[in-house]
Amino acid sequence: MAGLIATKQPKSYDQALEFLVDLRDLAERKDRADFHRRVEALRCAARKPTFIARLEKVGL
């Protein structure tokens, strides 16, 4: 997933977000807090305003 985010291409961002939404849905059944910690770490590491805006748009 990091490779998709590193590309700086909107289509790749969309793919990464699809994966994250699927993972969020799975985390709802298991460890929601851990998932949110990992998304926050991803957000900090990415430092990409467009990607971060897309995360917020889908509620991550």
N, C-alpha and C. Protein backbone atom coordinates (compact mmCIF):
# COMPACT_ATOMS: atom_id res chain seq x y z
N MET A 1 0.81 -1.18 0.00
CA MET A 1 0.00 0.00 0.00
C MET A 1 0.87 1.26 0.00
N ALA A 2 1.98 1.21 0.68
CA ALA A 2 2.86 2.38 0.71
C ALA A 2 3.32 2.76 -0.69
N GLY A 3 3.50 1.76 -1.54
CA GLY A 3 3.90 2.03 -2.92
C GLY A 3 2.83 2.81 -3.67
N LEU A 4 1.56 2.51 -3.41
CA LEU A 4 0.47 3.23 -4.05
C LEU A 4 0.44 4.69 -3.61
N ILE A 5 0.70 4.91 -2.35
CA ILE A 5 0.68 6.28 -1.82
C ILE A 5 1.88 7.07 -2.31
N ALA A 6 3.01 6.41 -2.46
CA ALA A 6 4.24 7.09 -2.88
C ALA A 6 4.20 7.58 -4.33
N THR A 7 3.30 7.05 -5.14
CA THR A 7 3.29 7.40 -6.55
C THR A 7 2.82 8.82 -6.85
N LYS A 8 2.06 9.42 -5.95
CA LYS A 8 1.50 10.76 -6.15
C LYS A 8 0.51 10.79 -7.31
N GLN A 9 -0.13 9.68 -7.59
CA GLN A 9 -1.12 9.62 -8.66
C GLN A 9 -2.50 9.39 -8.04
N PRO A 10 -3.48 10.19 -8.42
CA PRO A 10 -4.82 10.07 -7.83
C PRO A 10 -5.40 8.66 -7.95
N LYS A 11 -5.18 7.98 -9.05
CA LYS A 11 -5.71 6.63 -9.21
C LYS A 11 -5.11 5.68 -8.18
N SER A 12 -3.83 5.84 -7.91
CA SER A 12 -3.17 5.02 -6.90
C SER A 12 -3.70 5.33 -5.51
N TYR A 13 -3.94 6.61 -5.24
CA TYR A 13 -4.53 7.00 -3.96
C TYR A 13 -5.88 6.32 -3.79
N ASP A 14 -6.68 6.30 -4.86
CA ASP A 14 -8.00 5.66 -4.80
C ASP A 14 -7.88 4.18 -4.47
N GLN A 15 -6.90 3.51 -5.06
CA GLN A 15 -6.69 2.09 -4.77
C GLN A 15 -6.30 1.88 -3.31
N ALA A 16 -5.42 2.72 -2.82
CA ALA A 16 -4.99 2.62 -1.42
C ALA A 16 -6.18 2.85 -0.49
N LEU A 17 -7.03 3.81 -0.83
CA LEU A 17 -8.20 4.08 -0.01
C LEU A 17 -9.17 2.91 -0.02
N GLU A 18 -9.33 2.27 -1.15
CA GLU A 18 -10.19 1.08 -1.22
C GLU A 18 -9.68 0.00 -0.26
N PHE A 19 -8.38 -0.22 -0.27
CA PHE A 19 -7.79 -1.20 0.64
C PHE A 19 -8.04 -0.80 2.10
N LEU A 20 -7.84 0.48 2.40
CA LEU A 20 -8.01 0.94 3.77
C LEU A 20 -9.46 0.82 4.24
N VAL A 21 -10.39 1.13 3.36
CA VAL A 21 -11.81 1.00 3.73
C VAL A 21 -12.15 -0.47 4.00
N ASP A 22 -11.63 -1.37 3.17
CA ASP A 22 -11.85 -2.80 3.41
C ASP A 22 -11.24 -3.22 4.74
N LEU A 23 -10.03 -2.75 5.01
CA LEU A 23 -9.37 -3.09 6.28
C LEU A 23 -10.13 -2.51 7.47
N ARG A 24 -10.68 -1.30 7.30
CA ARG A 24 -11.48 -0.69 8.37
C ARG A 24 -12.69 -1.57 8.68
N ASP A 25 -13.34 -2.03 7.62
CA ASP A 25 -14.52 -2.87 7.81
C ASP A 25 -14.16 -4.16 8.56
N LEU A 26 -13.02 -4.74 8.22
CA LEU A 26 -12.57 -5.93 8.94
C LEU A 26 -12.21 -5.61 10.39
N ALA A 27 -11.61 -4.46 10.60
CA ALA A 27 -11.19 -4.05 11.94
C ALA A 27 -12.40 -3.82 12.85
N GLU A 28 -13.53 -3.47 12.27
CA GLU A 28 -14.73 -3.26 13.08
C GLU A 28 -15.07 -4.52 13.86
N ARG A 29 -14.70 -5.66 13.32
CA ARG A 29 -15.00 -6.93 13.97
C ARG A 29 -13.90 -7.39 14.92
N LYS A 30 -12.73 -6.80 14.81
CA LYS A 30 -11.60 -7.28 15.62
C LYS A 30 -11.02 -6.18 16.50
N ASP A 31 -10.06 -5.45 15.96
CA ASP A 31 -9.31 -4.48 16.76
C ASP A 31 -9.37 -3.09 16.13
N ARG A 32 -10.43 -2.42 16.39
CA ARG A 32 -10.67 -1.10 15.80
C ARG A 32 -9.61 -0.08 16.22
N ALA A 33 -9.23 -0.08 17.47
CA ALA A 33 -8.24 0.89 17.97
C ALA A 33 -6.90 0.72 17.28
N ASP A 34 -6.47 -0.51 17.09
CA ASP A 34 -5.21 -0.76 16.41
C ASP A 34 -5.25 -0.25 14.98
N PHE A 35 -6.35 -0.47 14.30
CA PHE A 35 -6.49 0.00 12.93
C PHE A 35 -6.35 1.53 12.88
N HIS A 36 -7.03 2.22 13.78
CA HIS A 36 -6.97 3.68 13.76
C HIS A 36 -5.57 4.20 14.11
N ARG A 37 -4.86 3.50 14.96
CA ARG A 37 -3.47 3.90 15.25
C ARG A 37 -2.61 3.76 13.99
N ARG A 38 -2.84 2.68 13.27
CA ARG A 38 -2.05 2.45 12.05
C ARG A 38 -2.39 3.47 10.96
N VAL A 39 -3.65 3.83 10.84
CA VAL A 39 -4.04 4.85 9.85
C VAL A 39 -3.41 6.19 10.23
N GLU A 40 -3.41 6.51 11.50
CA GLU A 40 -2.80 7.76 11.94
C GLU A 40 -1.30 7.77 11.65
N ALA A 41 -0.63 6.64 11.86
CA ALA A 41 0.79 6.55 11.55
C ALA A 41 1.02 6.70 10.04
N LEU A 42 0.15 6.11 9.26
CA LEU A 42 0.23 6.24 7.80
C LEU A 42 0.04 7.69 7.38
N ARG A 43 -0.91 8.35 8.00
CA ARG A 43 -1.19 9.76 7.71
C ARG A 43 0.05 10.62 8.02
N CYS A 44 0.69 10.38 9.14
CA CYS A 44 1.88 11.15 9.52
C CYS A 44 3.05 10.87 8.59
N ALA A 45 3.21 9.61 8.22
CA ALA A 45 4.34 9.23 7.37
C ALA A 45 4.15 9.71 5.94
N ALA A 46 2.92 9.74 5.46
CA ALA A 46 2.64 10.08 4.07
C ALA A 46 2.94 11.55 3.78
N ARG A 47 2.53 12.44 4.65
CA ARG A 47 2.73 13.88 4.46
C ARG A 47 2.31 14.34 3.07
N LYS A 48 1.19 13.83 2.61
CA LYS A 48 0.68 14.18 1.28
C LYS A 48 -0.71 14.77 1.48
N PRO A 49 -0.84 16.09 1.33
CA PRO A 49 -2.12 16.75 1.59
C PRO A 49 -3.30 16.17 0.79
N THR A 50 -3.07 15.82 -0.46
CA THR A 50 -4.16 15.28 -1.27
C THR A 50 -4.61 13.93 -0.74
N PHE A 51 -3.66 13.08 -0.39
CA PHE A 51 -4.01 11.77 0.16
C PHE A 51 -4.71 11.93 1.51
N ILE A 52 -4.22 12.82 2.34
CA ILE A 52 -4.83 13.04 3.66
C ILE A 52 -6.25 13.56 3.50
N ALA A 53 -6.48 14.44 2.55
CA ALA A 53 -7.82 14.93 2.29
C ALA A 53 -8.75 13.80 1.87
N ARG A 54 -8.23 12.88 1.08
CA ARG A 54 -9.03 11.72 0.65
C ARG A 54 -9.32 10.81 1.84
N LEU A 55 -8.38 10.66 2.74
CA LEU A 55 -8.63 9.87 3.95
C LEU A 55 -9.79 10.48 4.73
N GLU A 56 -9.76 11.77 4.89
CA GLU A 56 -10.81 12.45 5.64
C GLU A 56 -12.15 12.32 4.94
N LYS A 57 -12.14 12.38 3.64
CA LYS A 57 -13.38 12.29 2.86
C LYS A 57 -14.10 10.96 3.08
N VAL A 58 -13.32 9.87 3.22
CA VAL A 58 -13.93 8.56 3.46
C VAL A 58 -14.05 8.23 4.94
N GLY A 59 -13.73 9.19 5.80
CA GLY A 59 -13.91 9.01 7.22
C GLY A 59 -12.82 8.24 7.93
N LEU A 60 -11.61 8.33 7.39
CA LEU A 60 -10.49 7.64 8.04
C LEU A 60 -9.59 8.63 8.72
